[in-house]
PDB file of N, CA and C in Angstrom:
ATOM      1  N   UNK A   1       2.711   4.405  13.708  1.00  0.00           N
ATOM      2  CA  UNK A   1       1.673   3.854  12.887  1.00  0.00           C
ATOM      3  C   UNK A   1       2.170   3.736  11.441  1.00  0.00           C
ATOM      4  N   UNK A   2       1.816   2.605  10.832  1.00  0.00           N
ATOM      5  CA  UNK A   2       2.192   2.320   9.425  1.00  0.00           C
ATOM      6  C   UNK A   2       1.094   2.919   8.551  1.00  0.00           C
ATOM      7  N   UNK A   3       1.502   3.669   7.501  1.00  0.00           N
ATOM      8  CA  UNK A   3       0.553   4.174   6.555  1.00  0.00           C
ATOM      9  C   UNK A   3       0.937   3.682   5.158  1.00  0.00           C
ATOM     10  N   UNK A   4      -0.023   3.673   4.240  1.00  0.00           N
ATOM     11  CA  UNK A   4       0.186   3.132   2.900  1.00  0.00           C
ATOM     12  C   UNK A   4       0.157   4.211   1.825  1.00  0.00           C
ATOM     13  N   UNK A   5       0.308   5.451   2.228  1.00  0.00           N
ATOM     14  CA  UNK A   5       0.332   6.557   1.272  1.00  0.00           C
ATOM     15  C   UNK A   5       1.338   6.343   0.138  1.00  0.00           C
ATOM     16  N   UNK A   6       2.543   5.863   0.465  1.00  0.00           N
ATOM     17  CA  UNK A   6       3.540   5.655  -0.625  1.00  0.00           C
ATOM     18  C   UNK A   6       3.027   4.590  -1.627  1.00  0.00           C
ATOM     19  N   UNK A   7       2.224   3.633  -1.225  1.00  0.00           N
ATOM     20  CA  UNK A   7       1.761   2.623  -2.145  1.00  0.00           C
ATOM     21  C   UNK A   7       0.888   3.255  -3.239  1.00  0.00           C
ATOM     22  N   UNK A   8      -0.004   4.140  -2.813  1.00  0.00           N
ATOM     23  CA  UNK A   8      -0.935   4.759  -3.805  1.00  0.00           C
ATOM     24  C   UNK A   8      -0.144   5.659  -4.778  1.00  0.00           C
ATOM     25  N   UNK A   9       0.883   6.312  -4.243  1.00  0.00           N
ATOM     26  CA  UNK A   9       1.734   7.118  -5.163  1.00  0.00           C
ATOM     27  C   UNK A   9       2.523   6.241  -6.138  1.00  0.00           C
ATOM     28  N   UNK A  10       3.026   5.116  -5.622  1.00  0.00           N
ATOM     29  CA  UNK A  10       3.778   4.216  -6.498  1.00  0.00           C
ATOM     30  C   UNK A  10       2.878   3.603  -7.552  1.00  0.00           C
ATOM     31  N   UNK A  11       1.679   3.192  -7.161  1.00  0.00           N
ATOM     32  CA  UNK A  11       0.739   2.656  -8.146  1.00  0.00           C
ATOM     33  C   UNK A  11       0.444   3.673  -9.229  1.00  0.00           C
ATOM     34  N   UNK A  12       0.238   4.909  -8.812  1.00  0.00           N
ATOM     35  CA  UNK A  12      -0.062   5.968  -9.804  1.00  0.00           C
ATOM     36  C   UNK A  12       1.117   6.168 -10.790  1.00  0.00           C
ATOM     37  N   UNK A  13       2.353   6.160 -10.277  1.00  0.00           N
ATOM     38  CA  UNK A  13       3.536   6.293 -11.078  1.00  0.00           C
ATOM     39  C   UNK A  13       3.618   5.138 -12.112  1.00  0.00           C
ATOM     40  N   UNK A  14       3.223   3.967 -11.670  1.00  0.00           N
ATOM     41  CA  UNK A  14       3.308   2.778 -12.524  1.00  0.00           C
ATOM     42  C   UNK A  14       2.077   2.592 -13.436  1.00  0.00           C
ATOM     43  N   UNK A  15       1.108   3.476 -13.272  1.00  0.00           N
ATOM     44  CA  UNK A  15      -0.095   3.411 -14.116  1.00  0.00           C
ATOM     45  C   UNK A  15      -1.034   2.295 -13.705  1.00  0.00           C
ATOM     46  N   UNK A  16      -1.031   1.878 -12.437  1.00  0.00           N
ATOM     47  CA  UNK A  16      -1.868   0.811 -11.973  1.00  0.00           C
ATOM     48  C   UNK A  16      -2.982   1.374 -11.068  1.00  0.00           C
ATOM     49  N   UNK A  17      -4.094   0.635 -11.012  1.00  0.00           N
ATOM     50  CA  UNK A  17      -5.195   1.034 -10.176  1.00  0.00           C
ATOM     51  C   UNK A  17      -5.562  -0.117  -9.254  1.00  0.00           C
ATOM     52  N   UNK A  18      -6.442   0.147  -8.328  1.00  0.00           N
ATOM     53  CA  UNK A  18      -6.949  -0.893  -7.448  1.00  0.00           C
ATOM     54  C   UNK A  18      -7.666  -1.966  -8.280  1.00  0.00           C
ATOM     55  N   UNK A  19      -8.397  -1.517  -9.306  1.00  0.00           N
ATOM     56  CA  UNK A  19      -9.109  -2.456 -10.165  1.00  0.00           C
ATOM     57  C   UNK A  19      -8.108  -3.417 -10.818  1.00  0.00           C
ATOM     58  N   UNK A  20      -7.009  -2.908 -11.341  1.00  0.00           N
ATOM     59  CA  UNK A  20      -6.007  -3.789 -11.986  1.00  0.00           C
ATOM     60  C   UNK A  20      -5.385  -4.763 -10.986  1.00  0.00           C
ATOM     61  N   UNK A  21      -5.190  -4.316  -9.763  1.00  0.00           N
ATOM     62  CA  UNK A  21      -4.646  -5.245  -8.748  1.00  0.00           C
ATOM     63  C   UNK A  21      -5.622  -6.406  -8.523  1.00  0.00           C
ATOM     64  N   UNK A  22      -6.898  -6.088  -8.486  1.00  0.00           N
ATOM     65  CA  UNK A  22      -7.900  -7.109  -8.248  1.00  0.00           C
ATOM     66  C   UNK A  22      -8.073  -7.986  -9.498  1.00  0.00           C
ATOM     67  N   UNK A  23      -8.186  -7.394 -10.633  1.00  0.00           N
ATOM     68  CA  UNK A  23      -8.487  -8.114 -11.881  1.00  0.00           C
ATOM     69  C   UNK A  23      -7.297  -8.892 -12.409  1.00  0.00           C
ATOM     70  N   UNK A  24      -6.126  -8.300 -12.466  1.00  0.00           N
ATOM     71  CA  UNK A  24      -5.000  -8.959 -13.117  1.00  0.00           C
ATOM     72  C   UNK A  24      -3.976  -9.606 -12.168  1.00  0.00           C
ATOM     73  N   UNK A  25      -3.976  -9.181 -10.953  1.00  0.00           N
ATOM     74  CA  UNK A  25      -3.023  -9.704  -9.976  1.00  0.00           C
ATOM     75  C   UNK A  25      -3.676 -10.532  -8.875  1.00  0.00           C
ATOM     76  N   UNK A  26      -4.940 -10.693  -8.965  1.00  0.00           N
ATOM     77  CA  UNK A  26      -5.759 -11.555  -8.043  1.00  0.00           C
ATOM     78  C   UNK A  26      -5.744 -11.108  -6.585  1.00  0.00           C
ATOM     79  N   UNK A  27      -5.617  -9.796  -6.346  1.00  0.00           N
ATOM     80  CA  UNK A  27      -5.746  -9.284  -5.014  1.00  0.00           C
ATOM     81  C   UNK A  27      -7.231  -9.287  -4.672  1.00  0.00           C
ATOM     82  N   UNK A  28      -7.537  -9.584  -3.430  1.00  0.00           N
ATOM     83  CA  UNK A  28      -8.948  -9.589  -3.035  1.00  0.00           C
ATOM     84  C   UNK A  28      -9.404  -8.159  -2.741  1.00  0.00           C
ATOM     85  N   UNK A  29     -10.718  -7.939  -2.850  1.00  0.00           N
ATOM     86  CA  UNK A  29     -11.282  -6.630  -2.533  1.00  0.00           C
ATOM     87  C   UNK A  29     -11.061  -6.342  -1.036  1.00  0.00           C
ATOM     88  N   UNK A  30     -11.060  -7.404  -0.222  1.00  0.00           N
ATOM     89  CA  UNK A  30     -10.817  -7.255   1.204  1.00  0.00           C
ATOM     90  C   UNK A  30      -9.390  -6.674   1.457  1.00  0.00           C
ATOM     91  N   UNK A  31      -8.413  -7.116   0.712  1.00  0.00           N
ATOM     92  CA  UNK A  31      -7.053  -6.608   0.861  1.00  0.00           C
ATOM     93  C   UNK A  31      -7.006  -5.132   0.524  1.00  0.00           C
ATOM     94  N   UNK A  32      -7.645  -4.749  -0.579  1.00  0.00           N
ATOM     95  CA  UNK A  32      -7.650  -3.351  -0.977  1.00  0.00           C
ATOM     96  C   UNK A  32      -8.336  -2.506   0.100  1.00  0.00           C
ATOM     97  N   UNK A  33      -9.464  -3.047   0.655  1.00  0.00           N
ATOM     98  CA  UNK A  33     -10.178  -2.353   1.714  1.00  0.00           C
ATOM     99  C   UNK A  33      -9.251  -2.142   2.909  1.00  0.00           C
ATOM    100  N   UNK A  34      -8.532  -3.218   3.312  1.00  0.00           N
ATOM    101  CA  UNK A  34      -7.596  -3.070   4.453  1.00  0.00           C
ATOM    102  C   UNK A  34      -6.543  -2.007   4.209  1.00  0.00           C
ATOM    103  N   UNK A  35      -6.026  -1.962   2.996  1.00  0.00           N
ATOM    104  CA  UNK A  35      -4.994  -0.935   2.653  1.00  0.00           C
ATOM    105  C   UNK A  35      -5.606   0.464   2.703  1.00  0.00           C
ATOM    106  N   UNK A  36      -6.748   0.634   2.137  1.00  0.00           N
ATOM    107  CA  UNK A  36      -7.402   1.968   2.090  1.00  0.00           C
ATOM    108  C   UNK A  36      -7.750   2.494   3.501  1.00  0.00           C
ATOM    109  N   UNK A  37      -8.014   1.577   4.420  1.00  0.00           N
ATOM    110  CA  UNK A  37      -8.431   1.995   5.738  1.00  0.00           C
ATOM    111  C   UNK A  37      -7.304   1.878   6.793  1.00  0.00           C
ATOM    112  N   UNK A  38      -6.074   1.585   6.330  1.00  0.00           N
ATOM    113  CA  UNK A  38      -4.938   1.595   7.198  1.00  0.00           C
ATOM    114  C   UNK A  38      -4.795   0.406   8.161  1.00  0.00           C
ATOM    115  N   UNK A  39      -5.430  -0.699   7.801  1.00  0.00           N
ATOM    116  CA  UNK A  39      -5.298  -1.917   8.639  1.00  0.00           C
ATOM    117  C   UNK A  39      -3.997  -2.634   8.270  1.00  0.00           C
ATOM    118  N   UNK A  40      -3.542  -3.481   9.157  1.00  0.00           N
ATOM    119  CA  UNK A  40      -2.270  -4.209   8.912  1.00  0.00           C
ATOM    120  C   UNK A  40      -2.377  -5.247   7.785  1.00  0.00           C
ATOM    121  N   UNK A  41      -1.258  -5.448   7.134  1.00  0.00           N
ATOM    122  CA  UNK A  41      -1.109  -6.461   6.134  1.00  0.00           C
ATOM    123  C   UNK A  41       0.112  -7.285   6.416  1.00  0.00           C
ATOM    124  N   UNK A  42       0.236  -8.471   5.782  1.00  0.00           N
ATOM    125  CA  UNK A  42       1.379  -9.354   6.052  1.00  0.00           C
ATOM    126  C   UNK A  42       2.633  -8.877   5.302  1.00  0.00           C
ATOM    127  N   UNK A  43       3.774  -9.319   5.807  1.00  0.00           N
ATOM    128  CA  UNK A  43       5.013  -9.026   5.092  1.00  0.00           C
ATOM    129  C   UNK A  43       5.076  -9.750   3.758  1.00  0.00           C
ATOM    130  N   UNK A  44       4.385 -10.854   3.652  1.00  0.00           N
ATOM    131  CA  UNK A  44       4.320 -11.582   2.369  1.00  0.00           C
ATOM    132  C   UNK A  44       3.592 -10.714   1.314  1.00  0.00           C
ATOM    133  N   UNK A  45       2.530 -10.028   1.723  1.00  0.00           N
ATOM    134  CA  UNK A  45       1.862  -9.136   0.831  1.00  0.00           C
ATOM    135  C   UNK A  45       2.707  -7.972   0.420  1.00  0.00           C
ATOM    136  N   UNK A  46       3.472  -7.428   1.349  1.00  0.00           N
ATOM    137  CA  UNK A  46       4.365  -6.350   1.026  1.00  0.00           C
ATOM    138  C   UNK A  46       5.422  -6.835   0.027  1.00  0.00           C
ATOM    139  N   UNK A  47       5.913  -8.013   0.227  1.00  0.00           N
ATOM    140  CA  UNK A  47       6.862  -8.654  -0.703  1.00  0.00           C
ATOM    141  C   UNK A  47       6.249  -8.793  -2.100  1.00  0.00           C
ATOM    142  N   UNK A  48       4.995  -9.211  -2.153  1.00  0.00           N
ATOM    143  CA  UNK A  48       4.308  -9.343  -3.463  1.00  0.00           C
ATOM    144  C   UNK A  48       4.209  -8.007  -4.164  1.00  0.00           C
ATOM    145  N   UNK A  49       3.821  -6.968  -3.406  1.00  0.00           N
ATOM    146  CA  UNK A  49       3.773  -5.603  -3.971  1.00  0.00           C
ATOM    147  C   UNK A  49       5.121  -5.182  -4.544  1.00  0.00           C
ATOM    148  N   UNK A  50       6.187  -5.456  -3.767  1.00  0.00           N
ATOM    149  CA  UNK A  50       7.517  -5.056  -4.226  1.00  0.00           C
ATOM    150  C   UNK A  50       7.889  -5.779  -5.514  1.00  0.00           C
ATOM    151  N   UNK A  51       7.516  -7.033  -5.632  1.00  0.00           N
ATOM    152  CA  UNK A  51       7.762  -7.800  -6.881  1.00  0.00           C
ATOM    153  C   UNK A  51       6.987  -7.254  -8.051  1.00  0.00           C
ATOM    154  N   UNK A  52       5.683  -7.033  -7.876  1.00  0.00           N
ATOM    155  CA  UNK A  52       4.818  -6.567  -8.928  1.00  0.00           C
ATOM    156  C   UNK A  52       5.250  -5.172  -9.396  1.00  0.00           C
ATOM    157  N   UNK A  53       5.527  -4.287  -8.427  1.00  0.00           N
ATOM    158  CA  UNK A  53       5.833  -2.898  -8.744  1.00  0.00           C
ATOM    159  C   UNK A  53       7.309  -2.638  -8.977  1.00  0.00           C
ATOM    160  N   UNK A  54       8.132  -3.686  -8.761  1.00  0.00           N
ATOM    161  CA  UNK A  54       9.590  -3.538  -8.888  1.00  0.00           C
ATOM    162  C   UNK A  54      10.091  -2.318  -8.113  1.00  0.00           C
ATOM    163  N   UNK A  55       9.788  -2.358  -6.818  1.00  0.00           N
ATOM    164  CA  UNK A  55      10.157  -1.234  -5.927  1.00  0.00           C
ATOM    165  C   UNK A  55      10.653  -1.702  -4.602  1.00  0.00           C
ATOM    166  N   UNK A  56      10.993  -0.800  -3.737  1.00  0.00           N
ATOM    167  CA  UNK A  56      11.451  -1.063  -2.391  1.00  0.00           C
ATOM    168  C   UNK A  56      10.321  -0.951  -1.376  1.00  0.00           C
ATOM    169  N   UNK A  57      10.538  -1.486  -0.212  1.00  0.00           N
ATOM    170  CA  UNK A  57       9.518  -1.402   0.855  1.00  0.00           C
ATOM    171  C   UNK A  57       9.090   0.015   1.132  1.00  0.00           C
ATOM    172  N   UNK A  58      10.038   0.953   1.089  1.00  0.00           N
ATOM    173  CA  UNK A  58       9.728   2.343   1.349  1.00  0.00           C
ATOM    174  C   UNK A  58       8.748   2.961   0.360  1.00  0.00           C
ATOM    175  N   UNK A  59       8.606   2.292  -0.804  1.00  0.00           N
ATOM    176  CA  UNK A  59       7.671   2.736  -1.824  1.00  0.00           C
ATOM    177  C   UNK A  59       6.259   2.195  -1.547  1.00  0.00           C
ATOM    178  N   UNK A  60       6.122   1.397  -0.524  1.00  0.00           N
ATOM    179  CA  UNK A  60       4.861   0.729  -0.201  1.00  0.00           C
ATOM    180  C   UNK A  60       4.297   1.265   1.130  1.00  0.00           C
ATOM    181  N   UNK A  61       5.156   1.293   2.189  1.00  0.00           N
ATOM    182  CA  UNK A  61       4.722   1.673   3.484  1.00  0.00           C
ATOM    183  C   UNK A  61       5.614   2.757   4.072  1.00  0.00           C
ATOM    184  N   UNK A  62       5.083   3.435   5.082  1.00  0.00           N
ATOM    185  CA  UNK A  62       5.808   4.492   5.786  1.00  0.00           C
ATOM    186  C   UNK A  62       5.400   4.454   7.237  1.00  0.00           C
ATOM    187  N   UNK A  63       6.383   4.640   8.114  1.00  0.00           N
ATOM    188  CA  UNK A  63       6.048   4.731   9.580  1.00  0.00           C
ATOM    189  C   UNK A  63       5.920   6.217   9.935  1.00  0.00           C
ATOM    190  N   UNK A  64       4.819   6.523  10.600  1.00  0.00           N
ATOM    191  CA  UNK A  64       4.575   7.877  11.103  1.00  0.00           C
ATOM    192  C   UNK A  64       4.298   7.735  12.577  1.00  0.00           C
ATOM    193  N   UNK A  65       5.009   8.479  13.396  1.00  0.00           N
ATOM    194  CA  UNK A  65       4.758   8.482  14.857  1.00  0.00           C
ATOM    195  C   UNK A  65       3.379   8.973  15.129  1.00  0.00           C
ATOM    196  N   UNK A  66       2.764   8.510  16.160  1.00  0.00           N
ATOM    197  CA  UNK A  66       1.395   8.880  16.538  1.00  0.00           C
ATOM    198  C   UNK A  66       1.260  10.362  16.739  1.00  0.00           C
ATOM    199  N   UNK A  67       2.253  11.051  17.314  1.00  0.00           N
ATOM    200  CA  UNK A  67       2.193  12.485  17.513  1.00  0.00           C
ATOM    201  C   UNK A  67       2.193  13.229  16.200  1.00  0.00           C
ATOM    202  N   UNK A  68       2.988  12.781  15.248  1.00  0.00           N
ATOM    203  CA  UNK A  68       3.024  13.412  13.933  1.00  0.00           C
ATOM    204  C   UNK A  68       1.725  13.281  13.221  1.00  0.00           C
ATOM    205  N   UNK A  69       1.108  12.141  13.328  1.00  0.00           N
ATOM    206  CA  UNK A  69      -0.164  11.891  12.649  1.00  0.00           C
ATOM    207  C   UNK A  69      -1.253  12.822  13.153  1.00  0.00           C
ATOM    208  N   UNK A  70      -1.289  13.072  14.488  1.00  0.00           N
ATOM    209  CA  UNK A  70      -2.303  13.934  15.038  1.00  0.00           C
ATOM    210  C   UNK A  70      -2.124  15.386  14.583  1.00  0.00           C
ATOM    211  N   UNK A  71      -0.903  15.825  14.326  1.00  0.00           N
ATOM    212  CA  UNK A  71      -0.671  17.213  13.939  1.00  0.00           C
ATOM    213  C   UNK A  71      -0.757  17.427  12.424  1.00  0.00           C
ATOM    214  N   UNK A  72      -0.739  16.323  11.643  1.00  0.00           N
ATOM    215  CA  UNK A  72      -0.802  16.432  10.212  1.00  0.00           C
ATOM    216  C   UNK A  72      -2.280  16.618   9.792  1.00  0.00           C
ATOM    217  N   UNK A  73      -2.558  17.620   8.976  1.00  0.00           N
ATOM    218  CA  UNK A  73      -3.949  17.862   8.528  1.00  0.00           C
ATOM    219  C   UNK A  73      -4.474  16.788   7.646  1.00  0.00           C
TER     220      UNK A  73
END
């Protein structure tokens, strides 16, 4: 399963919020909703995040095996 926990940490490090993504970078509220609830996003969107945040893919998404996710509190 793909999770977006690294994205929220990277945003915090860069001093950005969901509001700024919507207001200044024209992300839709639906996109933010999808990220917060763990739904899939396009590779183009991941590319856009990497450009805006000047980071690597690993700073945006992480793969967690289903078994690991069930045991993680």
